[in-house]
Amino acid sequence: MTEFEDLFDDVDAAFESLKLSSHDETAQRRAGRAVLGALFEVREQLRLGLGGVYWMAVENDLRGKIGEGVIVIRGRMTHGALNDIRPSFKLALPGPKFFPSAYAYPGMNLTWLELDDMQPIDRSELERRDDHQRYASCIAGQMVLPTLNVAREFFRDLSRSTP
């Protein structure tokens, strides 16, 4: 097993835990932290191994911007960046931005908070590498599982191009 395969096993296991924790706030927080931590480890290996090529891939692929947007909140308390949204509060109807899938389904779905709704937040952390813009434009208000899956797939695809 390669180092990336091992790291992605951790990402996948944490992702599955988050997917199954929909009704338990403590389990959501723990699983969310685990996913973000595992994605960060993968990202760091890619960033260090690819150098400037990594940042070019991020800038040229919306999935890369989503991946970096997700990484922004890794260091925060996960429950401070996740928000349970019930359909009665935010109706998710099939359309160009949403359709039922393995990661978005009727019932309770986790969504990322808007930046101003996170309290407290260290804005200096978000000002590096356009992180604030990436989070605000690609992550805030979006469903958690689909965005984490996009980030996971971007990092997985990029890892296949590393020597």
N, C-alpha and C. Protein backbone atom coordinates (compact mmCIF):
# COMPACT_ATOMS: atom_id res chain seq x y z
N MET A 1 0.85 -1.18 0.00
CA MET A 1 0.00 0.00 0.00
C MET A 1 0.89 1.24 0.00
N THR A 2 0.60 2.16 -0.90
CA THR A 2 1.39 3.40 -0.97
C THR A 2 0.96 4.35 0.15
N GLU A 3 1.77 5.37 0.35
CA GLU A 3 1.46 6.36 1.37
C GLU A 3 0.12 7.05 1.07
N PHE A 4 -0.12 7.39 -0.20
CA PHE A 4 -1.38 8.03 -0.56
C PHE A 4 -2.56 7.09 -0.36
N GLU A 5 -2.39 5.82 -0.70
CA GLU A 5 -3.49 4.87 -0.48
C GLU A 5 -3.84 4.78 0.99
N ASP A 6 -2.82 4.76 1.84
CA ASP A 6 -3.03 4.72 3.28
C ASP A 6 -3.76 5.99 3.76
N LEU A 7 -3.31 7.15 3.28
CA LEU A 7 -3.96 8.40 3.66
C LEU A 7 -5.41 8.44 3.18
N PHE A 8 -5.66 7.98 1.97
CA PHE A 8 -7.02 7.99 1.45
C PHE A 8 -7.91 6.99 2.16
N ASP A 9 -7.35 5.89 2.67
CA ASP A 9 -8.14 4.99 3.50
C ASP A 9 -8.65 5.73 4.73
N ASP A 10 -7.78 6.57 5.33
CA ASP A 10 -8.20 7.38 6.49
C ASP A 10 -9.27 8.39 6.10
N VAL A 11 -9.08 9.05 4.96
CA VAL A 11 -10.08 10.02 4.48
C VAL A 11 -11.42 9.31 4.28
N ASP A 12 -11.39 8.18 3.59
CA ASP A 12 -12.63 7.46 3.28
C ASP A 12 -13.33 6.97 4.55
N ALA A 13 -12.57 6.45 5.51
CA ALA A 13 -13.18 5.97 6.76
C ALA A 13 -13.81 7.12 7.53
N ALA A 14 -13.12 8.25 7.60
CA ALA A 14 -13.66 9.41 8.31
C ALA A 14 -14.89 9.96 7.60
N PHE A 15 -14.84 9.99 6.27
CA PHE A 15 -15.96 10.45 5.47
C PHE A 15 -17.20 9.58 5.72
N GLU A 16 -17.00 8.28 5.74
CA GLU A 16 -18.11 7.36 5.99
C GLU A 16 -18.68 7.56 7.40
N SER A 17 -17.82 7.79 8.38
CA SER A 17 -18.29 8.08 9.75
C SER A 17 -19.14 9.34 9.78
N LEU A 18 -18.71 10.37 9.06
CA LEU A 18 -19.49 11.60 9.02
C LEU A 18 -20.84 11.36 8.34
N LYS A 19 -20.82 10.60 7.28
CA LYS A 19 -22.04 10.30 6.55
C LYS A 19 -23.06 9.58 7.44
N LEU A 20 -22.58 8.72 8.33
CA LEU A 20 -23.46 7.93 9.19
C LEU A 20 -23.83 8.62 10.50
N SER A 21 -23.30 9.80 10.75
CA SER A 21 -23.49 10.45 12.06
C SER A 21 -24.56 11.53 12.04
N SER A 22 -25.50 11.45 11.14
CA SER A 22 -26.42 12.56 10.88
C SER A 22 -27.27 13.00 12.07
N HIS A 23 -27.48 12.16 13.05
CA HIS A 23 -28.36 12.54 14.15
C HIS A 23 -27.64 12.70 15.49
N ASP A 24 -26.34 12.68 15.48
CA ASP A 24 -25.57 12.76 16.72
C ASP A 24 -24.55 13.90 16.59
N GLU A 25 -24.79 14.99 17.28
CA GLU A 25 -23.94 16.19 17.15
C GLU A 25 -22.49 15.92 17.53
N THR A 26 -22.28 15.15 18.60
CA THR A 26 -20.91 14.84 19.01
C THR A 26 -20.21 13.99 17.96
N ALA A 27 -20.91 12.99 17.44
CA ALA A 27 -20.32 12.15 16.40
C ALA A 27 -20.04 12.95 15.14
N GLN A 28 -20.92 13.90 14.80
CA GLN A 28 -20.69 14.76 13.64
C GLN A 28 -19.43 15.59 13.81
N ARG A 29 -19.28 16.18 14.99
CA ARG A 29 -18.11 17.02 15.27
C ARG A 29 -16.83 16.19 15.16
N ARG A 30 -16.83 15.02 15.78
CA ARG A 30 -15.64 14.18 15.75
C ARG A 30 -15.32 13.69 14.34
N ALA A 31 -16.34 13.23 13.64
CA ALA A 31 -16.12 12.73 12.28
C ALA A 31 -15.72 13.87 11.35
N GLY A 32 -16.32 15.04 11.53
CA GLY A 32 -15.95 16.21 10.72
C GLY A 32 -14.50 16.58 10.92
N ARG A 33 -14.07 16.59 12.17
CA ARG A 33 -12.65 16.87 12.45
C ARG A 33 -11.75 15.83 11.80
N ALA A 34 -12.16 14.57 11.88
CA ALA A 34 -11.34 13.49 11.32
C ALA A 34 -11.22 13.64 9.80
N VAL A 35 -12.34 13.95 9.12
CA VAL A 35 -12.29 14.13 7.66
C VAL A 35 -11.37 15.29 7.31
N LEU A 36 -11.58 16.42 7.99
CA LEU A 36 -10.77 17.60 7.69
C LEU A 36 -9.29 17.36 7.97
N GLY A 37 -9.00 16.66 9.07
CA GLY A 37 -7.61 16.35 9.40
C GLY A 37 -6.97 15.43 8.37
N ALA A 38 -7.72 14.41 7.95
CA ALA A 38 -7.19 13.47 6.96
C ALA A 38 -6.99 14.16 5.60
N LEU A 39 -7.95 15.01 5.21
CA LEU A 39 -7.80 15.75 3.96
C LEU A 39 -6.59 16.69 4.03
N PHE A 40 -6.37 17.29 5.20
CA PHE A 40 -5.23 18.17 5.36
C PHE A 40 -3.92 17.41 5.18
N GLU A 41 -3.85 16.20 5.74
CA GLU A 41 -2.63 15.39 5.59
C GLU A 41 -2.36 15.09 4.12
N VAL A 42 -3.40 14.71 3.39
CA VAL A 42 -3.25 14.44 1.96
C VAL A 42 -2.78 15.69 1.24
N ARG A 43 -3.46 16.80 1.53
CA ARG A 43 -3.13 18.07 0.88
C ARG A 43 -1.68 18.46 1.15
N GLU A 44 -1.23 18.30 2.37
CA GLU A 44 0.16 18.67 2.70
C GLU A 44 1.15 17.81 1.93
N GLN A 45 0.88 16.51 1.81
CA GLN A 45 1.77 15.65 1.03
C GLN A 45 1.82 16.11 -0.43
N LEU A 46 0.65 16.46 -0.96
CA LEU A 46 0.60 16.93 -2.34
C LEU A 46 1.30 18.28 -2.49
N ARG A 47 1.02 19.19 -1.59
CA ARG A 47 1.61 20.54 -1.66
C ARG A 47 3.13 20.46 -1.57
N LEU A 48 3.63 19.66 -0.65
CA LEU A 48 5.08 19.54 -0.50
C LEU A 48 5.71 18.80 -1.68
N GLY A 49 5.04 17.78 -2.19
CA GLY A 49 5.58 16.99 -3.29
C GLY A 49 5.52 17.69 -4.64
N LEU A 50 4.48 18.51 -4.83
CA LEU A 50 4.29 19.13 -6.15
C LEU A 50 4.71 20.59 -6.21
N GLY A 51 4.86 21.22 -5.06
CA GLY A 51 5.28 22.63 -5.03
C GLY A 51 4.33 23.52 -5.81
N GLY A 52 4.87 24.33 -6.72
CA GLY A 52 4.08 25.27 -7.49
C GLY A 52 3.05 24.61 -8.40
N VAL A 53 3.31 23.38 -8.80
CA VAL A 53 2.35 22.65 -9.63
C VAL A 53 1.05 22.44 -8.85
N TYR A 54 1.18 22.24 -7.53
CA TYR A 54 -0.02 22.08 -6.71
C TYR A 54 -0.89 23.32 -6.81
N TRP A 55 -0.29 24.50 -6.62
CA TRP A 55 -1.07 25.74 -6.63
C TRP A 55 -1.64 26.04 -8.01
N MET A 56 -0.93 25.66 -9.07
CA MET A 56 -1.49 25.83 -10.41
C MET A 56 -2.73 24.94 -10.58
N ALA A 57 -2.66 23.71 -10.07
CA ALA A 57 -3.80 22.80 -10.16
C ALA A 57 -4.99 23.36 -9.39
N VAL A 58 -4.74 23.93 -8.21
CA VAL A 58 -5.81 24.53 -7.41
C VAL A 58 -6.47 25.66 -8.17
N GLU A 59 -5.66 26.54 -8.74
CA GLU A 59 -6.20 27.72 -9.41
C GLU A 59 -6.92 27.38 -10.71
N ASN A 60 -6.56 26.26 -11.35
CA ASN A 60 -7.14 25.91 -12.64
C ASN A 60 -8.29 24.91 -12.56
N ASP A 61 -8.69 24.55 -11.37
CA ASP A 61 -9.74 23.54 -11.20
C ASP A 61 -10.65 23.97 -10.05
N LEU A 62 -11.93 24.13 -10.32
CA LEU A 62 -12.89 24.52 -9.27
C LEU A 62 -12.83 23.56 -8.10
N ARG A 63 -12.59 22.28 -8.38
CA ARG A 63 -12.48 21.30 -7.29
C ARG A 63 -11.30 21.63 -6.37
N GLY A 64 -10.23 22.17 -6.94
CA GLY A 64 -9.08 22.57 -6.14
C GLY A 64 -9.42 23.74 -5.23
N LYS A 65 -10.18 24.69 -5.75
CA LYS A 65 -10.62 25.82 -4.92
C LYS A 65 -11.52 25.34 -3.79
N ILE A 66 -12.38 24.38 -4.09
CA ILE A 66 -13.23 23.79 -3.06
C ILE A 66 -12.37 23.07 -2.03
N GLY A 67 -11.37 22.31 -2.51
CA GLY A 67 -10.46 21.61 -1.58
C GLY A 67 -9.75 22.57 -0.65
N GLU A 68 -9.23 23.66 -1.21
CA GLU A 68 -8.56 24.66 -0.36
C GLU A 68 -9.56 25.36 0.56
N GLY A 69 -10.77 25.60 0.08
CA GLY A 69 -11.80 26.21 0.92
C GLY A 69 -12.14 25.35 2.12
N VAL A 70 -12.19 24.04 1.90
CA VAL A 70 -12.46 23.10 2.99
C VAL A 70 -11.29 23.09 3.98
N ILE A 71 -10.08 23.14 3.46
CA ILE A 71 -8.89 23.11 4.32
C ILE A 71 -8.85 24.32 5.25
N VAL A 72 -9.42 25.44 4.79
CA VAL A 72 -9.42 26.68 5.60
C VAL A 72 -9.96 26.43 7.00
N ILE A 73 -10.99 25.64 7.10
CA ILE A 73 -11.63 25.49 8.41
C ILE A 73 -11.12 24.30 9.20
N ARG A 74 -10.13 23.60 8.67
CA ARG A 74 -9.61 22.42 9.36
C ARG A 74 -9.22 22.68 10.80
N GLY A 75 -8.60 23.80 11.07
CA GLY A 75 -8.12 24.07 12.41
C GLY A 75 -9.19 24.54 13.39
N ARG A 76 -10.35 24.84 12.91
CA ARG A 76 -11.43 25.33 13.76
C ARG A 76 -12.17 24.16 14.41
N MET A 77 -12.89 24.45 15.45
CA MET A 77 -13.79 23.44 16.00
C MET A 77 -14.81 23.14 14.92
N THR A 78 -14.88 21.90 14.50
CA THR A 78 -15.72 21.55 13.37
C THR A 78 -17.17 21.94 13.61
N HIS A 79 -17.67 21.76 14.81
CA HIS A 79 -19.08 22.09 15.02
C HIS A 79 -19.32 23.59 14.91
N GLY A 80 -18.26 24.40 14.93
CA GLY A 80 -18.41 25.82 14.72
C GLY A 80 -18.54 26.20 13.26
N ALA A 81 -18.26 25.28 12.37
CA ALA A 81 -18.34 25.56 10.94
C ALA A 81 -19.42 24.74 10.24
N LEU A 82 -20.00 23.80 10.95
CA LEU A 82 -21.06 22.97 10.39
C LEU A 82 -22.39 23.41 10.96
N ASN A 83 -23.42 23.29 10.18
CA ASN A 83 -24.74 23.70 10.61
C ASN A 83 -25.75 22.66 10.15
N ASP A 84 -26.56 22.15 11.08
CA ASP A 84 -27.63 21.24 10.69
C ASP A 84 -28.73 22.05 10.06
N ILE A 85 -29.13 21.68 8.89
CA ILE A 85 -30.23 22.35 8.20
C ILE A 85 -31.31 21.32 7.95
N ARG A 86 -32.46 21.55 8.50
CA ARG A 86 -33.61 20.69 8.23
C ARG A 86 -34.37 21.28 7.05
N PRO A 87 -35.01 20.43 6.27
CA PRO A 87 -35.71 20.95 5.09
C PRO A 87 -36.70 22.07 5.41
N SER A 88 -37.25 22.09 6.61
CA SER A 88 -38.20 23.15 6.93
C SER A 88 -37.50 24.51 7.02
N PHE A 89 -36.21 24.51 7.25
CA PHE A 89 -35.47 25.77 7.32
C PHE A 89 -34.76 26.10 6.01
N LYS A 90 -34.30 25.10 5.31
CA LYS A 90 -33.65 25.31 4.01
C LYS A 90 -34.09 24.19 3.09
N LEU A 91 -35.01 24.51 2.24
CA LEU A 91 -35.56 23.51 1.34
C LEU A 91 -34.59 23.25 0.20
N ALA A 92 -34.20 22.02 0.06
CA ALA A 92 -33.29 21.63 -1.03
C ALA A 92 -34.11 20.91 -2.08
N LEU A 93 -34.39 21.59 -3.18
CA LEU A 93 -35.16 21.02 -4.27
C LEU A 93 -34.24 20.62 -5.41
N PRO A 94 -34.58 19.56 -6.12
CA PRO A 94 -33.77 19.20 -7.28
C PRO A 94 -33.66 20.37 -8.26
N GLY A 95 -32.50 20.59 -8.77
CA GLY A 95 -32.26 21.69 -9.69
C GLY A 95 -30.81 21.72 -10.10
N PRO A 96 -30.35 22.84 -10.68
CA PRO A 96 -28.98 22.90 -11.18
C PRO A 96 -27.92 22.80 -10.08
N LYS A 97 -28.26 23.19 -8.85
CA LYS A 97 -27.26 23.13 -7.78
C LYS A 97 -27.50 21.98 -6.81
N PHE A 98 -28.62 21.30 -6.94
CA PHE A 98 -28.90 20.22 -6.00
C PHE A 98 -29.73 19.14 -6.67
N PHE A 99 -29.32 17.92 -6.46
CA PHE A 99 -30.17 16.78 -6.79
C PHE A 99 -29.79 15.67 -5.82
N PRO A 100 -30.78 14.86 -5.43
CA PRO A 100 -30.48 13.78 -4.49
C PRO A 100 -29.37 12.89 -5.00
N SER A 101 -28.49 12.51 -4.09
CA SER A 101 -27.36 11.65 -4.45
C SER A 101 -26.93 10.90 -3.19
N ALA A 102 -25.83 10.23 -3.29
CA ALA A 102 -25.32 9.50 -2.13
C ALA A 102 -24.93 10.44 -1.00
N TYR A 103 -24.71 11.72 -1.31
CA TYR A 103 -24.22 12.66 -0.30
C TYR A 103 -25.21 13.77 0.01
N ALA A 104 -26.31 13.83 -0.67
CA ALA A 104 -27.34 14.84 -0.43
C ALA A 104 -28.69 14.13 -0.56
N TYR A 105 -29.44 14.14 0.51
CA TYR A 105 -30.64 13.32 0.55
C TYR A 105 -31.73 14.02 1.36
N PRO A 106 -32.96 13.59 1.16
CA PRO A 106 -34.04 14.19 1.95
C PRO A 106 -33.79 13.99 3.44
N GLY A 107 -34.18 14.93 4.22
CA GLY A 107 -33.95 14.86 5.65
C GLY A 107 -32.88 15.86 6.07
N MET A 108 -32.27 15.59 7.20
CA MET A 108 -31.28 16.51 7.73
C MET A 108 -29.99 16.42 6.93
N ASN A 109 -29.51 17.56 6.48
CA ASN A 109 -28.23 17.64 5.77
C ASN A 109 -27.37 18.69 6.46
N LEU A 110 -26.10 18.41 6.58
CA LEU A 110 -25.17 19.38 7.13
C LEU A 110 -24.80 20.38 6.06
N THR A 111 -24.71 21.65 6.43
CA THR A 111 -24.23 22.67 5.51
C THR A 111 -23.15 23.47 6.20
N TRP A 112 -22.25 24.04 5.40
CA TRP A 112 -21.21 24.91 5.93
C TRP A 112 -21.84 26.26 6.26
N LEU A 113 -21.42 26.83 7.37
CA LEU A 113 -21.92 28.14 7.76
C LEU A 113 -21.37 29.23 6.85
N GLU A 114 -22.10 30.32 6.78
CA GLU A 114 -21.58 31.52 6.14
C GLU A 114 -20.45 32.03 7.03
N LEU A 115 -19.48 32.70 6.45
CA LEU A 115 -18.32 33.16 7.19
C LEU A 115 -18.70 34.02 8.40
N ASP A 116 -19.64 34.93 8.21
CA ASP A 116 -20.04 35.82 9.30
C ASP A 116 -20.79 35.10 10.42
N ASP A 117 -21.29 33.90 10.16
CA ASP A 117 -22.01 33.15 11.18
C ASP A 117 -21.08 32.34 12.08
N MET A 118 -19.81 32.21 11.70
CA MET A 118 -18.85 31.49 12.53
C MET A 118 -18.34 32.42 13.62
N GLN A 119 -18.36 31.93 14.85
CA GLN A 119 -17.89 32.76 15.95
C GLN A 119 -17.02 31.95 16.88
N PRO A 120 -15.95 32.45 17.40
CA PRO A 120 -15.18 33.54 16.79
C PRO A 120 -14.35 32.97 15.64
N ILE A 121 -13.83 33.82 14.82
CA ILE A 121 -13.00 33.36 13.69
C ILE A 121 -11.76 34.24 13.58
N ASP A 122 -10.65 33.62 13.34
CA ASP A 122 -9.40 34.34 13.16
C ASP A 122 -9.28 34.69 11.68
N ARG A 123 -9.68 35.90 11.33
CA ARG A 123 -9.71 36.29 9.92
C ARG A 123 -8.31 36.34 9.31
N SER A 124 -7.27 36.54 10.12
CA SER A 124 -5.92 36.57 9.55
C SER A 124 -5.58 35.22 8.91
N GLU A 125 -6.10 34.12 9.47
CA GLU A 125 -5.87 32.79 8.90
C GLU A 125 -6.49 32.68 7.51
N LEU A 126 -7.60 33.37 7.30
CA LEU A 126 -8.32 33.27 6.04
C LEU A 126 -7.75 34.17 4.96
N GLU A 127 -6.89 35.09 5.31
CA GLU A 127 -6.41 36.05 4.33
C GLU A 127 -5.24 35.53 3.51
N ARG A 128 -4.67 34.40 3.88
CA ARG A 128 -3.58 33.82 3.11
C ARG A 128 -4.12 33.09 1.89
N ARG A 129 -3.38 33.15 0.78
CA ARG A 129 -3.67 32.40 -0.45
C ARG A 129 -5.14 32.52 -0.87
N ASP A 130 -5.73 33.67 -0.69
CA ASP A 130 -7.12 33.88 -1.09
C ASP A 130 -8.09 32.92 -0.40
N ASP A 131 -7.73 32.45 0.78
CA ASP A 131 -8.56 31.49 1.48
C ASP A 131 -9.95 32.03 1.79
N HIS A 132 -10.02 33.29 2.20
CA HIS A 132 -11.31 33.90 2.52
C HIS A 132 -12.24 33.81 1.32
N GLN A 133 -11.75 34.20 0.15
CA GLN A 133 -12.56 34.16 -1.07
C GLN A 133 -12.94 32.74 -1.45
N ARG A 134 -12.00 31.83 -1.31
CA ARG A 134 -12.31 30.43 -1.65
C ARG A 134 -13.42 29.90 -0.76
N TYR A 135 -13.32 30.17 0.54
CA TYR A 135 -14.37 29.69 1.45
C TYR A 135 -15.70 30.36 1.13
N ALA A 136 -15.68 31.68 1.01
CA ALA A 136 -16.92 32.42 0.79
C ALA A 136 -17.60 32.03 -0.53
N SER A 137 -16.81 31.82 -1.58
CA SER A 137 -17.42 31.57 -2.89
C SER A 137 -17.68 30.09 -3.17
N CYS A 138 -16.94 29.20 -2.54
CA CYS A 138 -17.06 27.77 -2.89
C CYS A 138 -17.64 26.89 -1.79
N ILE A 139 -17.61 27.36 -0.55
CA ILE A 139 -17.95 26.47 0.56
C ILE A 139 -19.16 26.98 1.35
N ALA A 140 -19.14 28.23 1.75
CA ALA A 140 -20.18 28.78 2.64
C ALA A 140 -21.58 28.51 2.10
N GLY A 141 -22.43 27.98 2.96
CA GLY A 141 -23.81 27.71 2.61
C GLY A 141 -24.04 26.43 1.82
N GLN A 142 -22.97 25.75 1.43
CA GLN A 142 -23.09 24.51 0.65
C GLN A 142 -23.23 23.31 1.58
N MET A 143 -23.77 22.23 1.05
CA MET A 143 -23.89 21.00 1.83
C MET A 143 -22.50 20.41 2.06
N VAL A 144 -22.28 19.91 3.27
CA VAL A 144 -20.97 19.44 3.69
C VAL A 144 -20.51 18.21 2.92
N LEU A 145 -21.32 17.16 2.88
CA LEU A 145 -20.86 15.92 2.27
C LEU A 145 -20.51 16.07 0.79
N PRO A 146 -21.34 16.74 -0.02
CA PRO A 146 -20.92 16.91 -1.42
C PRO A 146 -19.63 17.71 -1.58
N THR A 147 -19.43 18.76 -0.77
CA THR A 147 -18.20 19.55 -0.92
C THR A 147 -16.99 18.76 -0.45
N LEU A 148 -17.14 18.01 0.63
CA LEU A 148 -16.02 17.17 1.07
C LEU A 148 -15.70 16.11 0.02
N ASN A 149 -16.71 15.57 -0.61
CA ASN A 149 -16.47 14.57 -1.65
C ASN A 149 -15.74 15.18 -2.84
N VAL A 150 -16.11 16.39 -3.23
CA VAL A 150 -15.41 17.07 -4.33
C VAL A 150 -13.94 17.27 -3.97
N ALA A 151 -13.69 17.74 -2.75
CA ALA A 151 -12.31 17.94 -2.30
C ALA A 151 -11.54 16.62 -2.30
N ARG A 152 -12.18 15.58 -1.77
CA ARG A 152 -11.55 14.26 -1.72
C ARG A 152 -11.18 13.78 -3.12
N GLU A 153 -12.07 13.94 -4.07
CA GLU A 153 -11.81 13.49 -5.44
C GLU A 153 -10.74 14.34 -6.13
N PHE A 154 -10.72 15.65 -5.85
CA PHE A 154 -9.65 16.48 -6.41
C PHE A 154 -8.28 16.00 -5.91
N PHE A 155 -8.17 15.81 -4.60
CA PHE A 155 -6.89 15.37 -4.03
C PHE A 155 -6.53 13.97 -4.53
N ARG A 156 -7.51 13.09 -4.65
CA ARG A 156 -7.24 11.74 -5.15
C ARG A 156 -6.73 11.80 -6.59
N ASP A 157 -7.39 12.57 -7.44
CA ASP A 157 -6.95 12.69 -8.83
C ASP A 157 -5.55 13.30 -8.92
N LEU A 158 -5.29 14.32 -8.11
CA LEU A 158 -3.98 14.95 -8.13
C LEU A 158 -2.89 14.00 -7.62
N SER A 159 -3.24 13.15 -6.66
CA SER A 159 -2.24 12.20 -6.12
C SER A 159 -1.82 11.19 -7.18
N ARG A 160 -2.69 10.91 -8.11
CA ARG A 160 -2.36 9.96 -9.19
C ARG A 160 -1.33 10.54 -10.16
N SER A 161 -1.18 11.87 -10.14
CA SER A 161 -0.22 12.48 -11.05
C SER A 161 1.13 12.73 -10.39
N THR A 162 1.28 12.32 -9.13
CA THR A 162 2.55 12.52 -8.45
C THR A 162 3.47 11.34 -8.72
N PRO A 163 4.77 11.63 -8.79
CA PRO A 163 5.73 10.56 -9.07
C PRO A 163 5.83 9.57 -7.93
